[in-house]
All heavy atoms as atom14 arrays in JSON, in Angstrom:
{
  "sequence": "MHFVMRADSGVTDFPGLEGKTILLGKGSFGASEG",
  "atom14_mask": [
    [1, 1, 1, 1, 1, 1, 1, 1, 0, 0, 0, 0, 0, 0],
    [1, 1, 1, 1, 1, 1, 1, 1, 1, 1, 0, 0, 0, 0],
    [1, 1, 1, 1, 1, 1, 1, 1, 1, 1, 1, 0, 0, 0],
    [1, 1, 1, 1, 1, 1, 1, 0, 0, 0, 0, 0, 0, 0],
    [1, 1, 1, 1, 1, 1, 1, 1, 0, 0, 0, 0, 0, 0],
    [1, 1, 1, 1, 1, 1, 1, 1, 1, 1, 1, 0, 0, 0],
    [1, 1, 1, 1, 1, 0, 0, 0, 0, 0, 0, 0, 0, 0],
    [1, 1, 1, 1, 1, 1, 1, 1, 0, 0, 0, 0, 0, 0],
    [1, 1, 1, 1, 1, 1, 0, 0, 0, 0, 0, 0, 0, 0],
    [1, 1, 1, 1, 0, 0, 0, 0, 0, 0, 0, 0, 0, 0],
    [1, 1, 1, 1, 1, 1, 1, 0, 0, 0, 0, 0, 0, 0],
    [1, 1, 1, 1, 1, 1, 1, 0, 0, 0, 0, 0, 0, 0],
    [1, 1, 1, 1, 1, 1, 1, 1, 0, 0, 0, 0, 0, 0],
    [1, 1, 1, 1, 1, 1, 1, 1, 1, 1, 1, 0, 0, 0],
    [1, 1, 1, 1, 1, 1, 1, 0, 0, 0, 0, 0, 0, 0],
    [1, 1, 1, 1, 0, 0, 0, 0, 0, 0, 0, 0, 0, 0],
    [1, 1, 1, 1, 1, 1, 1, 1, 0, 0, 0, 0, 0, 0],
    [1, 1, 1, 1, 1, 1, 1, 1, 1, 0, 0, 0, 0, 0],
    [1, 1, 1, 1, 0, 0, 0, 0, 0, 0, 0, 0, 0, 0],
    [1, 1, 1, 1, 1, 1, 1, 1, 1, 0, 0, 0, 0, 0],
    [1, 1, 1, 1, 1, 1, 1, 0, 0, 0, 0, 0, 0, 0],
    [1, 1, 1, 1, 1, 1, 1, 1, 0, 0, 0, 0, 0, 0],
    [1, 1, 1, 1, 1, 1, 1, 1, 0, 0, 0, 0, 0, 0],
    [1, 1, 1, 1, 1, 1, 1, 1, 0, 0, 0, 0, 0, 0],
    [1, 1, 1, 1, 0, 0, 0, 0, 0, 0, 0, 0, 0, 0],
    [1, 1, 1, 1, 1, 1, 1, 1, 1, 0, 0, 0, 0, 0],
    [1, 1, 1, 1, 0, 0, 0, 0, 0, 0, 0, 0, 0, 0],
    [1, 1, 1, 1, 1, 1, 0, 0, 0, 0, 0, 0, 0, 0],
    [1, 1, 1, 1, 1, 1, 1, 1, 1, 1, 1, 0, 0, 0],
    [1, 1, 1, 1, 0, 0, 0, 0, 0, 0, 0, 0, 0, 0],
    [1, 1, 1, 1, 1, 0, 0, 0, 0, 0, 0, 0, 0, 0],
    [1, 1, 1, 1, 1, 1, 0, 0, 0, 0, 0, 0, 0, 0],
    [1, 1, 1, 1, 1, 1, 1, 1, 1, 0, 0, 0, 0, 0],
    [1, 1, 1, 1, 0, 0, 0, 0, 0, 0, 0, 0, 0, 0]
  ],
  "atom14_positions": [
    [[0.67, -0.91, 11.56], [0.67, -0.93, 10.1], [0.1, 0.37, 9.53], [-0.92, 0.87, 9.97], [-0.16, -2.1, 9.59], [0.46, -3.47, 9.9], [2.05, -3.72, 9.07], [1.52, -3.79, 7.35], [0.0, 0.0, 0.0], [0.0, 0.0, 0.0], [0.0, 0.0, 0.0], [0.0, 0.0, 0.0], [0.0, 0.0, 0.0], [0.0, 0.0, 0.0]],
    [[0.81, 0.9, 8.52], [0.37, 2.09, 7.79], [0.36, 1.76, 6.29], [1.41, 1.41, 5.74], [1.31, 3.27, 8.0], [1.34, 3.83, 9.39], [1.91, 3.17, 10.45], [0.9, 5.02, 9.87], [1.81, 3.93, 11.54], [1.2, 5.06, 11.22], [0.0, 0.0, 0.0], [0.0, 0.0, 0.0], [0.0, 0.0, 0.0], [0.0, 0.0, 0.0]],
    [[-0.8, 1.88, 5.66], [-0.89, 1.82, 4.2], [-1.08, 3.26, 3.73], [-2.16, 3.84, 3.88], [-2.06, 0.95, 3.75], [-1.8, -0.53, 3.86], [-1.88, -1.17, 5.09], [-1.46, -1.28, 2.74], [-1.64, -2.53, 5.2], [-1.22, -2.64, 2.83], [-1.3, -3.27, 4.06], [0.0, 0.0, 0.0], [0.0, 0.0, 0.0], [0.0, 0.0, 0.0]],
    [[0.0, 3.85, 3.19], [0.03, 5.28, 2.87], [-0.12, 5.46, 1.36], [0.71, 4.99, 0.59], [1.36, 5.91, 3.34], [1.33, 7.42, 3.12], [1.62, 5.58, 4.81], [0.0, 0.0, 0.0], [0.0, 0.0, 0.0], [0.0, 0.0, 0.0], [0.0, 0.0, 0.0], [0.0, 0.0, 0.0], [0.0, 0.0, 0.0], [0.0, 0.0, 0.0]],
    [[-1.17, 6.17, 0.94], [-1.46, 6.35, -0.48], [-1.48, 7.83, -0.85], [-1.95, 8.67, -0.07], [-2.82, 5.73, -0.82], [-2.97, 4.26, -0.45], [-1.78, 3.2, -1.3], [-2.2, 3.51, -3.03], [0.0, 0.0, 0.0], [0.0, 0.0, 0.0], [0.0, 0.0, 0.0], [0.0, 0.0, 0.0], [0.0, 0.0, 0.0], [0.0, 0.0, 0.0]],
    [[-0.96, 8.15, -2.03], [-1.12, 9.51, -2.56], [-2.61, 9.8, -2.68], [-3.38, 8.97, -3.18], [-0.48, 9.62, -3.93], [1.04, 9.65, -3.95], [1.54, 9.74, -5.39], [1.09, 10.98, -6.03], [1.84, 12.08, -6.17], [3.09, 12.07, -5.71], [1.37, 13.16, -6.75], [0.0, 0.0, 0.0], [0.0, 0.0, 0.0], [0.0, 0.0, 0.0]],
    [[-3.02, 10.98, -2.24], [-4.43, 11.33, -2.33], [-4.91, 11.36, -3.78], [-6.05, 10.95, -4.07], [-4.68, 12.68, -1.66], [0.0, 0.0, 0.0], [0.0, 0.0, 0.0], [0.0, 0.0, 0.0], [0.0, 0.0, 0.0], [0.0, 0.0, 0.0], [0.0, 0.0, 0.0], [0.0, 0.0, 0.0], [0.0, 0.0, 0.0], [0.0, 0.0, 0.0]],
    [[-4.04, 11.8, -4.7], [-4.47, 11.89, -6.1], [-4.53, 10.53, -6.79], [-4.92, 10.43, -7.96], [-3.6, 12.86, -6.89], [-2.13, 12.48, -6.93], [-1.79, 11.32, -6.57], [-1.29, 13.33, -7.31], [0.0, 0.0, 0.0], [0.0, 0.0, 0.0], [0.0, 0.0, 0.0], [0.0, 0.0, 0.0], [0.0, 0.0, 0.0], [0.0, 0.0, 0.0]],
    [[-4.16, 9.44, -6.07], [-4.36, 8.09, -6.63], [-5.83, 7.69, -6.55], [-6.25, 6.74, -7.21], [-3.51, 7.07, -5.86], [-4.03, 6.85, -4.54], [0.0, 0.0, 0.0], [0.0, 0.0, 0.0], [0.0, 0.0, 0.0], [0.0, 0.0, 0.0], [0.0, 0.0, 0.0], [0.0, 0.0, 0.0], [0.0, 0.0, 0.0], [0.0, 0.0, 0.0]],
    [[-6.58, 8.4, -5.71], [-8.0, 8.1, -5.56], [-8.31, 6.92, -4.67], [-9.47, 6.54, -4.52], [0.0, 0.0, 0.0], [0.0, 0.0, 0.0], [0.0, 0.0, 0.0], [0.0, 0.0, 0.0], [0.0, 0.0, 0.0], [0.0, 0.0, 0.0], [0.0, 0.0, 0.0], [0.0, 0.0, 0.0], [0.0, 0.0, 0.0], [0.0, 0.0, 0.0]],
    [[-7.28, 6.34, -4.04], [-7.47, 5.14, -3.22], [-7.86, 5.55, -1.79], [-7.13, 6.26, -1.12], [-6.19, 4.28, -3.18], [-6.41, 3.05, -2.29], [-5.79, 3.86, -4.58], [0.0, 0.0, 0.0], [0.0, 0.0, 0.0], [0.0, 0.0, 0.0], [0.0, 0.0, 0.0], [0.0, 0.0, 0.0], [0.0, 0.0, 0.0], [0.0, 0.0, 0.0]],
    [[-9.04, 5.08, -1.38], [-9.51, 5.35, -0.03], [-9.83, 4.07, 0.74], [-10.15, 4.12, 1.92], [-10.77, 6.23, -0.05], [-11.79, 5.58, -0.83], [-10.47, 7.6, -0.67], [0.0, 0.0, 0.0], [0.0, 0.0, 0.0], [0.0, 0.0, 0.0], [0.0, 0.0, 0.0], [0.0, 0.0, 0.0], [0.0, 0.0, 0.0], [0.0, 0.0, 0.0]],
    [[-9.73, 2.92, 0.06], [-9.97, 1.64, 0.73], [-9.14, 0.56, 0.04], [-8.5, 0.81, -1.0], [-11.45, 1.27, 0.74], [-12.08, 1.23, -0.65], [-11.32, 1.11, -1.66], [-13.31, 1.33, -0.77], [0.0, 0.0, 0.0], [0.0, 0.0, 0.0], [0.0, 0.0, 0.0], [0.0, 0.0, 0.0], [0.0, 0.0, 0.0], [0.0, 0.0, 0.0]],
    [[-9.13, -0.64, 0.6], [-8.25, -1.69, 0.06], [-8.66, -2.18, -1.32], [-7.76, -2.44, -2.15], [-8.14, -2.84, 1.07], [-7.2, -2.51, 2.2], [-7.66, -1.91, 3.35], [-5.84, -2.75, 2.09], [-6.8, -1.57, 4.39], [-4.96, -2.42, 3.1], [-5.44, -1.83, 4.25], [0.0, 0.0, 0.0], [0.0, 0.0, 0.0], [0.0, 0.0, 0.0]],
    [[-9.93, -2.33, -1.65], [-10.25, -2.71, -3.04], [-9.68, -1.75, -4.06], [-9.34, -2.14, -5.19], [-11.79, -2.7, -3.04], [-12.17, -3.03, -1.63], [-11.14, -2.33, -0.79], [0.0, 0.0, 0.0], [0.0, 0.0, 0.0], [0.0, 0.0, 0.0], [0.0, 0.0, 0.0], [0.0, 0.0, 0.0], [0.0, 0.0, 0.0], [0.0, 0.0, 0.0]],
    [[-9.53, -0.47, -3.67], [-8.99, 0.53, -4.58], [-7.52, 0.34, -4.9], [-6.98, 0.99, -5.81], [0.0, 0.0, 0.0], [0.0, 0.0, 0.0], [0.0, 0.0, 0.0], [0.0, 0.0, 0.0], [0.0, 0.0, 0.0], [0.0, 0.0, 0.0], [0.0, 0.0, 0.0], [0.0, 0.0, 0.0], [0.0, 0.0, 0.0], [0.0, 0.0, 0.0]],
    [[-6.82, -0.55, -4.19], [-5.41, -0.81, -4.46], [-5.18, -1.58, -5.77], [-4.07, -1.58, -6.3], [-4.79, -1.62, -3.31], [-4.61, -0.9, -1.97], [-4.08, -1.88, -0.92], [-3.66, 0.27, -2.11], [0.0, 0.0, 0.0], [0.0, 0.0, 0.0], [0.0, 0.0, 0.0], [0.0, 0.0, 0.0], [0.0, 0.0, 0.0], [0.0, 0.0, 0.0]],
    [[-6.21, -2.22, -6.27], [-6.06, -3.01, -7.5], [-5.54, -2.15, -8.65], [-6.06, -1.07, -8.94], [-7.4, -3.65, -7.89], [-7.29, -4.6, -9.06], [-8.56, -5.41, -9.29], [-9.43, -5.44, -8.39], [-8.67, -6.03, -10.37], [0.0, 0.0, 0.0], [0.0, 0.0, 0.0], [0.0, 0.0, 0.0], [0.0, 0.0, 0.0], [0.0, 0.0, 0.0]],
    [[-4.46, -2.62, -9.26], [-3.86, -1.91, -10.38], [-2.89, -0.81, -9.99], [-2.25, -0.22, -10.87], [0.0, 0.0, 0.0], [0.0, 0.0, 0.0], [0.0, 0.0, 0.0], [0.0, 0.0, 0.0], [0.0, 0.0, 0.0], [0.0, 0.0, 0.0], [0.0, 0.0, 0.0], [0.0, 0.0, 0.0], [0.0, 0.0, 0.0], [0.0, 0.0, 0.0]],
    [[-2.76, -0.54, -8.7], [-1.86, 0.53, -8.24], [-0.47, -0.02, -7.96], [-0.27, -1.23, -7.81], [-2.41, 1.19, -6.98], [-3.81, 1.78, -7.15], [-3.84, 2.87, -8.23], [-5.24, 3.47, -8.33], [-5.31, 4.52, -9.4], [0.0, 0.0, 0.0], [0.0, 0.0, 0.0], [0.0, 0.0, 0.0], [0.0, 0.0, 0.0], [0.0, 0.0, 0.0]],
    [[0.51, 0.88, -7.89], [1.89, 0.49, -7.61], [2.22, 0.81, -6.16], [2.13, 1.98, -5.72], [2.86, 1.25, -8.54], [2.55, 0.92, -9.91], [4.3, 0.85, -8.24], [0.0, 0.0, 0.0], [0.0, 0.0, 0.0], [0.0, 0.0, 0.0], [0.0, 0.0, 0.0], [0.0, 0.0, 0.0], [0.0, 0.0, 0.0], [0.0, 0.0, 0.0]],
    [[2.6, -0.23, -5.42], [2.84, -0.12, -3.99], [4.27, -0.55, -3.67], [4.78, -1.54, -4.21], [1.86, -1.01, -3.19], [0.43, -0.7, -3.58], [2.06, -0.84, -1.69], [-0.02, 0.69, -3.24], [0.0, 0.0, 0.0], [0.0, 0.0, 0.0], [0.0, 0.0, 0.0], [0.0, 0.0, 0.0], [0.0, 0.0, 0.0], [0.0, 0.0, 0.0]],
    [[4.91, 0.15, -2.75], [6.23, -0.24, -2.28], [6.07, -0.9, -0.9], [5.6, -0.26, 0.05], [7.14, 0.99, -2.18], [8.66, 0.74, -2.1], [9.43, 1.99, -2.48], [9.08, 0.31, -0.7], [0.0, 0.0, 0.0], [0.0, 0.0, 0.0], [0.0, 0.0, 0.0], [0.0, 0.0, 0.0], [0.0, 0.0, 0.0], [0.0, 0.0, 0.0]],
    [[6.46, -2.17, -0.81], [6.4, -2.9, 0.46], [7.73, -2.91, 1.18], [7.78, -3.1, 2.4], [5.97, -4.36, 0.23], [4.54, -4.63, -0.24], [4.32, -6.13, -0.4], [3.52, -4.07, 0.74], [0.0, 0.0, 0.0], [0.0, 0.0, 0.0], [0.0, 0.0, 0.0], [0.0, 0.0, 0.0], [0.0, 0.0, 0.0], [0.0, 0.0, 0.0]],
    [[8.81, -2.72, 0.42], [10.14, -2.89, 1.02], [10.51, -4.35, 1.07], [9.84, -5.22, 0.51], [0.0, 0.0, 0.0], [0.0, 0.0, 0.0], [0.0, 0.0, 0.0], [0.0, 0.0, 0.0], [0.0, 0.0, 0.0], [0.0, 0.0, 0.0], [0.0, 0.0, 0.0], [0.0, 0.0, 0.0], [0.0, 0.0, 0.0], [0.0, 0.0, 0.0]],
    [[11.6, -4.64, 1.77], [12.11, -6.01, 1.8], [12.63, -6.35, 3.2], [13.28, -5.54, 3.85], [13.26, -6.18, 0.79], [12.89, -5.84, -0.64], [14.13, -5.84, -1.54], [13.78, -5.41, -2.95], [15.0, -5.31, -3.8], [0.0, 0.0, 0.0], [0.0, 0.0, 0.0], [0.0, 0.0, 0.0], [0.0, 0.0, 0.0], [0.0, 0.0, 0.0]],
    [[12.33, -7.56, 3.62], [12.96, -8.11, 4.82], [12.51, -7.55, 6.15], [13.07, -7.89, 7.18], [0.0, 0.0, 0.0], [0.0, 0.0, 0.0], [0.0, 0.0, 0.0], [0.0, 0.0, 0.0], [0.0, 0.0, 0.0], [0.0, 0.0, 0.0], [0.0, 0.0, 0.0], [0.0, 0.0, 0.0], [0.0, 0.0, 0.0], [0.0, 0.0, 0.0]],
    [[11.49, -6.72, 6.16], [11.04, -6.13, 7.42], [9.71, -6.72, 7.84], [9.02, -7.39, 7.05], [10.88, -4.61, 7.27], [9.83, -4.32, 6.36], [0.0, 0.0, 0.0], [0.0, 0.0, 0.0], [0.0, 0.0, 0.0], [0.0, 0.0, 0.0], [0.0, 0.0, 0.0], [0.0, 0.0, 0.0], [0.0, 0.0, 0.0], [0.0, 0.0, 0.0]],
    [[9.32, -6.47, 9.08], [8.01, -6.9, 9.54], [6.91, -6.28, 8.69], [5.96, -6.95, 8.28], [7.81, -6.51, 11.01], [6.4, -6.69, 11.51], [5.94, -7.95, 11.86], [5.54, -5.6, 11.62], [4.63, -8.12, 12.31], [4.24, -5.77, 12.07], [3.79, -7.03, 12.42], [0.0, 0.0, 0.0], [0.0, 0.0, 0.0], [0.0, 0.0, 0.0]],
    [[7.05, -4.98, 8.4], [6.04, -4.3, 7.6], [5.89, -4.89, 6.21], [4.79, -4.98, 5.69], [0.0, 0.0, 0.0], [0.0, 0.0, 0.0], [0.0, 0.0, 0.0], [0.0, 0.0, 0.0], [0.0, 0.0, 0.0], [0.0, 0.0, 0.0], [0.0, 0.0, 0.0], [0.0, 0.0, 0.0], [0.0, 0.0, 0.0], [0.0, 0.0, 0.0]],
    [[7.01, -5.29, 5.61], [6.97, -5.87, 4.26], [6.24, -7.21, 4.26], [5.36, -7.46, 3.44], [8.38, -6.03, 3.73], [0.0, 0.0, 0.0], [0.0, 0.0, 0.0], [0.0, 0.0, 0.0], [0.0, 0.0, 0.0], [0.0, 0.0, 0.0], [0.0, 0.0, 0.0], [0.0, 0.0, 0.0], [0.0, 0.0, 0.0], [0.0, 0.0, 0.0]],
    [[6.61, -8.08, 5.19], [5.97, -9.4, 5.23], [4.51, -9.29, 5.65], [3.64, -10.0, 5.12], [6.73, -10.32, 6.2], [6.75, -9.78, 7.5], [0.0, 0.0, 0.0], [0.0, 0.0, 0.0], [0.0, 0.0, 0.0], [0.0, 0.0, 0.0], [0.0, 0.0, 0.0], [0.0, 0.0, 0.0], [0.0, 0.0, 0.0], [0.0, 0.0, 0.0]],
    [[4.23, -8.37, 6.56], [2.86, -8.19, 7.02], [2.0, -7.58, 5.9], [0.86, -7.99, 5.68], [2.85, -7.29, 8.25], [1.57, -7.34, 9.05], [1.44, -8.55, 9.94], [2.26, -9.48, 9.84], [0.51, -8.57, 10.76], [0.0, 0.0, 0.0], [0.0, 0.0, 0.0], [0.0, 0.0, 0.0], [0.0, 0.0, 0.0], [0.0, 0.0, 0.0]],
    [[2.56, -6.61, 5.18], [1.83, -6.0, 4.07], [1.51, -7.01, 2.98], [0.39, -7.03, 2.44], [0.0, 0.0, 0.0], [0.0, 0.0, 0.0], [0.0, 0.0, 0.0], [0.0, 0.0, 0.0], [0.0, 0.0, 0.0], [0.0, 0.0, 0.0], [0.0, 0.0, 0.0], [0.0, 0.0, 0.0], [0.0, 0.0, 0.0], [0.0, 0.0, 0.0]]
  ]
}
């Protein structure tokens, strides 16, 4: 698993994902796992 974030989003941990826009994709292991 890779959670890849733009550095300028300021996200360095999972709590920082709140309010951000993330692309999970569809129908893949990574999407369901994410």
